[in-house]
Amino acid sequence: MHKETLTLYELSQMVREALAITMPDEYWVEAEISEMREVRGHCYMELVQKDMAGNTPVAKASAKCWKNKWALLRPYFERNANQMLRAGLKVRLLVYADFHEAYGFSWIITNIDPTFTLGDMARKRLEIVQMLKEQGVFDLQKDFRLPLFTQRVAVISSEQAAGYGDFCRHLHDNDWHLHFSVQLFAATMQGEGVESSVIAALDAINERINSFDVVVIIRGGGATSDLSGFDSLPLAESVANFPLPIITGIGHDRDESVLDMVAFLRVKTPTAAAALLIEHLANTLQRITDAQEEMLHLVQRRMELERVRMARLAEKVPMLFSLVRTRQEKRFENMALRMQNTITTTLQRQDLRLQRLSMALPTHAERLLTKAAHRLELLQQVVKSHDPSLLLAKGYSITTCGGKVVRNANNLQKGDVIVTQLQKGKVKSVVE
């Protein structure tokens, strides 16, 4: 037996009536927004519940908020949660079941609890802070000190942000006429792109780390409810480990993000960040001025002391001259006495030497005369041995030609007259 066949519309009506009977109430539900979009003033969400262990979706559903209700709920949530509704947030919604024959099933949103989201955000913020502390990086920035001459400023901000313009004007138009060099590294400062954009700007600054003294992250001019992008673990880690001090001015008194917590210093506004840098550099200038005045005072005091000292010395000059003159005179007397003693001693030594020489002179002269006589005898014997008469007596003869002794016969010519000297007499000869 066949059961009655229904049309799709009839079946859908049965589902709608069953839901109306079995689920007539509204229900508070906790879920995460995985997708969200607005169409002609209506809001369409995709809700998801994830497994705590594996972060895997275990339930999904569609939800809608009609235009008249959404116009009230959205500003209410953002005003009280200090956060924009966006994908990735955990929310607590008041919904009722709705089934339409043409559009199917969905949950209709009638209310939203901002305190739940605030609590979830606070829990996430605490988890991030705890992780940073466990890594030992939470307080790293607090160990920095601003350089005395903090003038080269890297700014991370949106180029169109009013806060950036206020920061630059306040920094350059200071009462001290101090000079600052500011370079902007543009970044997204609200919405889902905050984390990646600010990290990219920090990386760009890090590549030129020696060109800057400090980094300033300013936001100013954006919605105070859109600070969730600064509660990011990767961004907080990048700031905590950055090698330069980082000053943040991204919120207001009651808004403190994780980024503010790990930064070197947090200020209220971009203008306050500029005022901080001006005050710091002005203090450095004041220290230099105070040091100059102190140095001038010390030099003047030293000069005064030296003037008094010179005056006292001038009073003592005559006495010093007298003392010096007396000392010089005594010194000259001692020198004269030493010279006299030296001369006397020298004369005595010379006299003694002369006496010794005079005593030794006769003996020395006698010795010299004896040596000279002996030498003379030897010379006489040599002269005598060379006497020509002795040679002639032995039968030798001496031949001369023209008065010159002939030693070589080849030097004679035919017709030359030669004279031969004998022991007794001379003989003349003619060469043929």
Protein backbone atom coordinates (compact mmCIF):
# COMPACT_ATOMS: atom_id res chain seq x y z
CA MET A 1 0.00 0.00 0.00
CA HIS A 2 1.50 3.27 -1.07
CA LYS A 3 1.61 6.23 1.30
CA GLU A 4 0.18 9.58 0.26
CA THR A 5 2.58 11.57 -1.93
CA LEU A 6 3.17 15.20 -0.90
CA THR A 7 4.40 18.09 -2.87
CA LEU A 8 7.56 19.80 -1.74
CA TYR A 9 5.59 22.82 -0.67
CA GLU A 10 3.23 20.66 1.37
CA LEU A 11 6.15 18.90 3.04
CA SER A 12 7.83 22.20 3.77
CA GLN A 13 4.61 23.50 5.32
CA MET A 14 4.54 20.48 7.61
CA VAL A 15 8.13 21.21 8.70
CA ARG A 16 7.23 24.84 9.30
CA GLU A 17 4.18 23.92 11.38
CA ALA A 18 6.16 21.30 13.33
CA LEU A 19 8.88 23.85 14.17
CA ALA A 20 6.25 26.39 15.20
CA ILE A 21 4.70 23.86 17.57
CA THR A 22 7.86 22.22 18.97
CA MET A 23 10.16 25.31 19.05
CA PRO A 24 7.95 28.32 19.62
CA ASP A 25 10.40 30.15 21.89
CA GLU A 26 13.56 32.21 21.43
CA TYR A 27 16.89 30.67 22.44
CA TRP A 28 20.28 32.07 23.48
CA VAL A 29 22.98 30.38 21.45
CA GLU A 30 26.80 30.62 21.62
CA ALA A 31 28.66 30.35 18.31
CA GLU A 32 31.48 31.77 16.24
CA ILE A 33 30.79 33.92 13.20
CA SER A 34 32.53 32.27 10.25
CA GLU A 35 31.05 34.55 7.57
CA MET A 36 29.11 37.82 7.70
CA ARG A 37 27.73 40.12 5.03
CA GLU A 38 25.19 42.90 4.71
CA VAL A 39 22.71 43.07 1.84
CA ARG A 40 20.35 46.04 1.56
CA GLY A 41 20.60 46.67 5.29
CA HIS A 42 19.98 43.04 6.31
CA CYS A 43 22.74 40.97 7.93
CA TYR A 44 23.47 37.39 6.89
CA MET A 45 25.75 35.24 9.06
CA GLU A 46 27.17 31.75 8.94
CA LEU A 47 27.58 30.37 12.45
CA VAL A 48 29.91 27.55 13.42
CA GLN A 49 30.88 25.59 16.52
CA LYS A 50 34.38 24.14 16.55
CA ASP A 51 35.82 21.16 18.30
CA MET A 52 37.94 22.36 21.23
CA ALA A 53 40.66 19.82 20.54
CA GLY A 54 41.03 19.85 16.78
CA ASN A 55 39.44 23.21 15.92
CA THR A 56 37.21 21.30 13.49
CA PRO A 57 33.61 22.48 12.89
CA VAL A 58 31.11 20.20 14.61
CA ALA A 59 28.00 22.28 13.81
CA LYS A 60 27.03 24.91 11.23
CA ALA A 61 23.96 27.06 10.70
CA SER A 62 22.75 30.16 8.90
CA ALA A 63 21.41 33.18 10.76
CA LYS A 64 19.76 36.40 9.67
CA CYS A 65 19.03 39.74 11.23
CA TRP A 66 16.47 41.87 9.49
CA LYS A 67 17.13 45.48 8.62
CA ASN A 68 14.98 47.13 11.28
CA LYS A 69 16.54 45.02 14.05
CA TRP A 70 20.10 45.11 12.67
CA ALA A 71 20.10 48.92 12.58
CA LEU A 72 19.71 48.83 16.38
CA LEU A 73 21.73 45.75 17.34
CA ARG A 74 24.95 46.54 15.51
CA PRO A 75 25.67 49.97 17.07
CA TYR A 76 24.48 48.63 20.44
CA PHE A 77 27.00 45.80 20.28
CA GLU A 78 29.92 47.90 19.04
CA ARG A 79 29.25 50.64 21.59
CA ASN A 80 29.23 48.23 24.51
CA ALA A 81 31.78 45.66 23.33
CA ASN A 82 34.27 48.20 21.93
CA GLN A 83 34.52 45.88 18.98
CA MET A 84 33.09 45.63 15.48
CA LEU A 85 31.04 42.59 14.62
CA ARG A 86 33.13 40.57 12.23
CA ALA A 87 34.04 37.05 11.21
CA GLY A 88 36.06 35.21 13.82
CA LEU A 89 34.25 36.63 16.86
CA LYS A 90 32.46 34.46 19.34
CA VAL A 91 28.97 35.80 20.03
CA ARG A 92 25.89 35.03 22.14
CA LEU A 93 22.73 35.56 20.09
CA LEU A 94 19.05 35.43 20.90
CA VAL A 95 17.41 33.56 18.00
CA TYR A 96 14.25 31.78 17.01
CA ALA A 97 13.81 29.05 14.43
CA ASP A 98 12.38 30.04 11.07
CA PHE A 99 11.55 27.85 8.12
CA HIS A 100 10.36 29.28 4.83
CA GLU A 101 9.01 27.11 2.07
CA ALA A 102 11.08 28.95 -0.56
CA TYR A 103 14.23 29.85 1.41
CA GLY A 104 14.61 26.96 3.81
CA PHE A 105 15.67 26.97 7.47
CA SER A 106 17.58 29.72 9.31
CA TRP A 107 17.87 31.27 12.73
CA ILE A 108 16.46 34.78 13.06
CA ILE A 109 18.48 37.05 15.33
CA THR A 110 16.54 39.29 17.68
CA ASN A 111 19.21 40.26 20.22
CA ILE A 112 22.94 40.02 20.94
CA ASP A 113 24.87 39.97 24.21
CA PRO A 114 28.01 42.21 24.01
CA THR A 115 29.17 41.18 27.49
CA PHE A 116 29.70 37.61 26.28
CA THR A 117 31.97 38.77 23.48
CA LEU A 118 33.76 41.09 25.87
CA GLY A 119 34.39 38.15 28.16
CA ASP A 120 35.60 35.99 25.31
CA MET A 121 37.90 38.75 24.08
CA ALA A 122 39.22 39.24 27.60
CA ARG A 123 39.83 35.51 27.89
CA LYS A 124 41.72 35.46 24.59
CA ARG A 125 43.71 38.53 25.65
CA LEU A 126 44.68 36.82 28.90
CA GLU A 127 45.69 33.68 27.01
CA ILE A 128 47.91 35.72 24.68
CA VAL A 129 49.48 37.58 27.61
CA GLN A 130 50.13 34.29 29.41
CA MET A 131 51.77 32.79 26.31
CA LEU A 132 54.01 35.86 25.93
CA LYS A 133 55.05 35.63 29.55
CA GLU A 134 55.81 31.93 29.21
CA GLN A 135 58.01 32.75 26.20
CA GLY A 136 59.81 35.37 28.31
CA VAL A 137 59.15 38.21 25.84
CA PHE A 138 56.29 40.08 27.51
CA ASP A 139 58.56 42.65 29.22
CA LEU A 140 61.43 42.77 26.70
CA GLN A 141 60.50 46.24 25.43
CA LYS A 142 60.49 47.61 28.98
CA ASP A 143 64.28 47.09 29.13
CA PHE A 144 64.83 49.75 26.46
CA ARG A 145 65.78 53.36 27.09
CA LEU A 146 65.07 56.09 24.60
CA PRO A 147 68.36 57.38 23.11
CA LEU A 148 69.26 60.87 24.29
CA PHE A 149 68.93 62.18 20.76
CA THR A 150 65.72 60.46 19.66
CA GLN A 151 65.07 62.32 16.43
CA ARG A 152 64.75 59.68 13.69
CA VAL A 153 61.19 58.39 13.97
CA ALA A 154 59.62 55.51 12.02
CA VAL A 155 55.82 55.81 12.07
CA ILE A 156 53.40 52.97 11.38
CA SER A 157 49.99 54.40 10.54
CA SER A 158 47.46 54.87 7.81
CA GLU A 159 48.60 57.63 5.49
CA GLN A 160 45.13 59.18 5.44
CA ALA A 161 44.63 58.97 9.19
CA ALA A 162 43.97 62.31 10.88
CA GLY A 163 46.08 61.13 13.80
CA TYR A 164 49.17 60.86 11.59
CA GLY A 165 48.75 64.44 10.41
CA ASP A 166 48.26 65.63 14.00
CA PHE A 167 51.38 63.73 15.05
CA CYS A 168 53.56 65.32 12.34
CA ARG A 169 52.25 68.84 12.92
CA HIS A 170 52.69 68.66 16.66
CA LEU A 171 56.17 67.16 16.30
CA HIS A 172 57.49 69.75 13.84
CA ASP A 173 55.76 72.86 15.24
CA ASN A 174 57.27 72.55 18.71
CA ASP A 175 58.12 75.49 20.98
CA TRP A 176 61.75 74.41 21.26
CA HIS A 177 62.33 74.45 17.48
CA LEU A 178 63.67 70.90 17.72
CA HIS A 179 64.21 68.96 14.51
CA PHE A 180 62.78 65.50 13.90
CA SER A 181 63.04 63.22 10.88
CA VAL A 182 59.80 61.28 10.33
CA GLN A 183 59.22 58.46 7.83
CA LEU A 184 55.85 56.80 7.38
CA PHE A 185 55.44 53.06 6.87
CA ALA A 186 51.82 52.85 5.77
CA ALA A 187 49.70 50.05 7.23
CA THR A 188 46.07 49.05 7.67
CA MET A 189 44.99 50.17 11.13
CA GLN A 190 41.51 48.64 11.36
CA GLY A 191 39.75 45.53 10.19
CA GLU A 192 41.10 42.07 9.46
CA GLY A 193 44.28 43.26 7.75
CA VAL A 194 45.81 44.93 10.83
CA GLU A 195 47.96 42.00 11.93
CA SER A 196 49.67 41.22 8.60
CA SER A 197 49.96 44.87 7.57
CA VAL A 198 51.61 46.10 10.78
CA ILE A 199 53.97 43.09 10.87
CA ALA A 200 55.00 43.86 7.27
CA ALA A 201 55.69 47.48 8.25
CA LEU A 202 57.83 46.33 11.19
CA ASP A 203 59.79 44.02 8.87
CA ALA A 204 60.40 46.93 6.49
CA ILE A 205 61.71 49.08 9.35
CA ASN A 206 63.89 46.25 10.60
CA GLU A 207 65.65 46.11 7.23
CA ARG A 208 66.80 49.71 7.85
CA ILE A 209 67.13 49.44 11.62
CA ASN A 210 70.20 51.71 11.81
CA SER A 211 68.26 54.59 10.25
CA PHE A 212 65.85 55.03 13.17
CA ASP A 213 65.86 55.66 16.92
CA VAL A 214 62.26 54.77 17.77
CA VAL A 215 59.08 53.32 16.24
CA VAL A 216 55.67 54.92 16.80
CA ILE A 217 52.45 53.02 16.02
CA ILE A 218 49.54 55.45 15.89
CA ARG A 219 45.96 55.01 14.90
CA GLY A 220 43.91 58.08 15.80
CA GLY A 221 40.77 58.92 13.94
CA GLY A 222 39.43 55.36 13.67
CA ALA A 223 36.55 53.78 15.55
CA THR A 224 37.42 52.99 19.15
CA SER A 225 35.41 49.80 18.80
CA ASP A 226 37.81 48.33 16.22
CA LEU A 227 40.87 47.42 18.25
CA SER A 228 40.69 43.63 17.99
CA GLY A 229 43.40 43.54 15.33
CA PHE A 230 45.90 44.65 17.97
CA ASP A 231 45.06 41.67 20.22
CA SER A 232 47.10 39.32 18.08
CA LEU A 233 49.75 36.89 19.27
CA PRO A 234 51.96 37.12 16.11
CA LEU A 235 51.79 40.93 16.18
CA ALA A 236 52.54 41.05 19.91
CA GLU A 237 55.52 38.73 19.41
CA SER A 238 56.86 40.93 16.60
CA VAL A 239 56.60 44.05 18.77
CA ALA A 240 58.02 42.40 21.90
CA ASN A 241 61.08 41.12 20.01
CA PHE A 242 61.67 44.29 17.98
CA PRO A 243 65.19 45.76 18.42
CA LEU A 244 63.98 49.37 18.85
CA PRO A 245 61.68 50.88 21.48
CA ILE A 246 58.08 51.03 20.24
CA ILE A 247 55.57 53.65 21.39
CA THR A 248 51.86 53.00 20.79
CA GLY A 249 49.08 55.53 20.49
CA ILE A 250 46.23 53.49 19.06
CA GLY A 251 43.34 53.86 21.51
CA HIS A 252 41.96 55.78 24.43
CA ASP A 253 42.19 55.56 28.21
CA ARG A 254 39.85 52.62 28.62
CA ASP A 255 41.11 50.67 25.61
CA GLU A 256 44.32 48.70 26.21
CA SER A 257 45.27 46.11 23.65
CA VAL A 258 47.88 43.39 23.98
CA LEU A 259 50.03 45.50 21.65
CA ASP A 260 49.90 48.33 24.21
CA MET A 261 50.89 45.92 26.97
CA VAL A 262 54.06 44.64 25.27
CA ALA A 263 55.18 47.98 23.80
CA PHE A 264 57.93 50.08 25.35
CA LEU A 265 55.42 52.80 26.21
CA ARG A 266 51.74 53.40 25.63
CA VAL A 267 50.21 56.87 25.27
CA LYS A 268 46.63 57.97 24.73
CA THR A 269 46.77 59.59 21.31
CA PRO A 270 49.15 60.35 18.41
CA THR A 271 49.48 63.91 19.71
CA ALA A 272 50.53 62.54 23.09
CA ALA A 273 53.19 60.43 21.35
CA ALA A 274 54.57 63.53 19.65
CA ALA A 275 54.53 65.44 22.95
CA LEU A 276 56.46 62.61 24.58
CA LEU A 277 59.23 62.71 21.95
CA ILE A 278 59.41 66.51 22.14
CA GLU A 279 59.68 66.44 25.92
CA HIS A 280 62.38 63.78 25.81
CA LEU A 281 64.53 65.69 23.30
CA ALA A 282 63.87 68.98 25.15
CA ASN A 283 65.14 67.34 28.34
CA THR A 284 68.29 66.29 26.49
CA LEU A 285 68.74 69.86 25.26
CA GLN A 286 68.23 71.15 28.79
CA ARG A 287 70.84 68.74 30.10
CA ILE A 288 73.30 70.01 27.49
CA THR A 289 72.47 73.62 28.39
CA ASP A 290 72.89 72.91 32.10
CA ALA A 291 76.22 71.18 31.41
CA GLN A 292 77.40 74.19 29.38
CA GLU A 293 76.45 76.58 32.19
CA GLU A 294 78.16 74.36 34.74
CA MET A 295 81.32 74.22 32.61
CA LEU A 296 81.27 78.01 32.21
CA HIS A 297 80.86 78.43 35.96
CA LEU A 298 83.75 76.06 36.65
CA VAL A 299 86.00 77.85 34.14
CA GLN A 300 85.16 81.26 35.63
CA ARG A 301 85.81 79.97 39.13
CA ARG A 302 89.10 78.46 38.03
CA MET A 303 90.13 81.69 36.36
CA GLU A 304 89.31 83.64 39.54
CA LEU A 305 91.39 81.23 41.63
CA GLU A 306 94.29 81.56 39.20
CA ARG A 307 93.99 85.36 39.29
CA VAL A 308 94.25 85.35 43.08
CA ARG A 309 97.14 82.91 42.90
CA MET A 310 98.99 85.09 40.38
CA ALA A 311 98.43 88.14 42.56
CA ARG A 312 99.94 86.35 45.53
CA LEU A 313 102.86 85.21 43.43
CA ALA A 314 103.41 88.77 42.24
CA GLU A 315 103.70 89.87 45.86
CA LYS A 316 106.35 87.21 46.46
CA VAL A 317 108.41 87.98 43.34
CA PRO A 318 110.89 90.45 44.96
CA MET A 319 111.55 88.07 47.80
CA LEU A 320 111.92 85.21 45.36
CA PHE A 321 114.38 87.23 43.26
CA SER A 322 116.40 88.02 46.38
CA LEU A 323 116.37 84.41 47.40
CA VAL A 324 117.36 83.31 43.92
CA ARG A 325 120.15 85.92 43.76
CA THR A 326 121.51 84.80 47.12
CA ARG A 327 121.42 81.21 46.00
CA GLN A 328 123.16 82.09 42.73
CA GLU A 329 125.87 84.08 44.50
CA LYS A 330 126.51 81.22 46.87
CA ARG A 331 126.55 78.85 43.92
CA PHE A 332 129.13 81.06 42.11
CA GLU A 333 131.30 81.25 45.24
CA ASN A 334 131.25 77.48 45.49
CA MET A 335 132.09 77.19 41.82
CA ALA A 336 135.01 79.68 42.17
CA LEU A 337 136.32 77.83 45.20
CA ARG A 338 136.12 74.52 43.34
CA MET A 339 137.90 76.07 40.32
CA GLN A 340 140.64 77.50 42.54
CA ASN A 341 141.18 74.15 44.22
CA THR A 342 141.24 72.47 40.81
CA ILE A 343 143.82 74.93 39.45
CA THR A 344 145.99 74.57 42.54
CA THR A 345 145.86 70.80 42.31
CA THR A 346 146.67 70.92 38.58
CA LEU A 347 149.64 73.23 39.13
CA GLN A 348 150.96 70.99 41.87
CA ARG A 349 150.70 67.99 39.60
CA GLN A 350 152.47 69.80 36.73
CA ASP A 351 155.25 71.00 39.05
CA LEU A 352 155.79 67.46 40.32
CA ARG A 353 155.89 66.22 36.72
CA LEU A 354 158.46 68.88 35.75
CA GLN A 355 160.65 67.89 38.69
CA ARG A 356 160.56 64.28 37.62
CA LEU A 357 161.34 65.23 34.01
CA SER A 358 164.29 67.43 35.06
CA MET A 359 165.72 64.59 37.13
CA ALA A 360 165.37 62.11 34.28
CA LEU A 361 166.68 64.50 31.57
CA PRO A 362 170.53 63.98 32.04
CA THR A 363 170.25 60.20 31.98
CA HIS A 364 167.97 60.33 28.97
CA ALA A 365 170.29 62.76 27.13
CA GLU A 366 173.32 60.59 27.83
CA ARG A 367 171.53 57.59 26.41
CA LEU A 368 170.56 59.52 23.29
CA LEU A 369 174.17 60.70 22.74
CA THR A 370 175.52 57.18 23.14
CA LYS A 371 173.06 55.87 20.58
CA ALA A 372 173.89 58.69 18.17
CA ALA A 373 177.71 58.06 18.50
CA HIS A 374 177.28 54.40 17.84
CA ARG A 375 175.16 55.10 14.79
CA LEU A 376 177.68 57.60 13.49
CA GLU A 377 180.44 54.98 13.72
CA LEU A 378 178.30 52.56 11.71
CA LEU A 379 177.70 55.21 9.04
CA GLN A 380 181.43 55.99 8.83
CA GLN A 381 182.18 52.34 8.25
CA VAL A 382 179.53 52.19 5.49
CA VAL A 383 180.94 55.34 3.83
CA LYS A 384 184.48 54.03 4.05
CA SER A 385 183.47 50.72 2.51
CA HIS A 386 182.18 52.67 -0.53
CA ASP A 387 185.38 54.79 -1.02
CA PRO A 388 186.44 54.55 -4.79
CA SER A 389 190.14 54.58 -3.91
CA LEU A 390 189.74 51.24 -2.23
CA LEU A 391 188.23 49.81 -5.39
CA LEU A 392 191.05 51.29 -7.51
CA ALA A 393 193.59 49.76 -5.15
CA LYS A 394 192.09 46.38 -5.85
CA GLY A 395 192.72 46.80 -9.61
CA TYR A 396 189.41 48.20 -10.67
CA SER A 397 189.23 51.32 -12.88
CA ILE A 398 186.67 54.03 -13.58
CA THR A 399 185.99 55.14 -17.18
CA THR A 400 184.40 58.50 -17.94
CA CYS A 401 183.31 60.22 -21.11
CA GLY A 402 182.67 63.88 -21.00
CA GLY A 403 182.86 63.80 -17.20
CA LYS A 404 180.21 61.09 -16.92
CA VAL A 405 180.88 57.53 -15.79
CA VAL A 406 180.53 55.03 -18.61
CA ARG A 407 178.57 52.00 -17.52
CA ASN A 408 177.45 50.63 -20.93
CA ALA A 409 179.79 50.40 -23.97
CA ASN A 410 176.83 50.68 -26.30
CA ASN A 411 176.42 54.26 -25.22
CA LEU A 412 179.84 55.23 -26.74
CA GLN A 413 180.30 56.37 -30.33
CA LYS A 414 183.22 56.30 -32.63
CA GLY A 415 185.58 59.16 -31.96
CA ASP A 416 184.50 59.65 -28.33
CA VAL A 417 187.42 60.40 -25.95
CA ILE A 418 187.24 58.36 -22.81
CA VAL A 419 189.39 58.70 -19.66
CA THR A 420 190.27 55.67 -17.57
CA GLN A 421 191.15 56.36 -13.90
CA LEU A 422 193.61 53.91 -12.38
CA GLN A 423 195.04 53.74 -8.83
CA LYS A 424 197.92 55.68 -10.08
CA GLY A 425 197.34 57.92 -13.03
CA LYS A 426 194.83 58.32 -15.89
CA VAL A 427 194.71 56.94 -19.44
CA LYS A 428 192.99 58.73 -22.36
CA SER A 429 191.63 56.67 -25.25
CA VAL A 430 189.77 57.35 -28.53
CA VAL A 431 186.90 55.02 -29.48
CA GLU A 432 187.23 53.52 -33.01
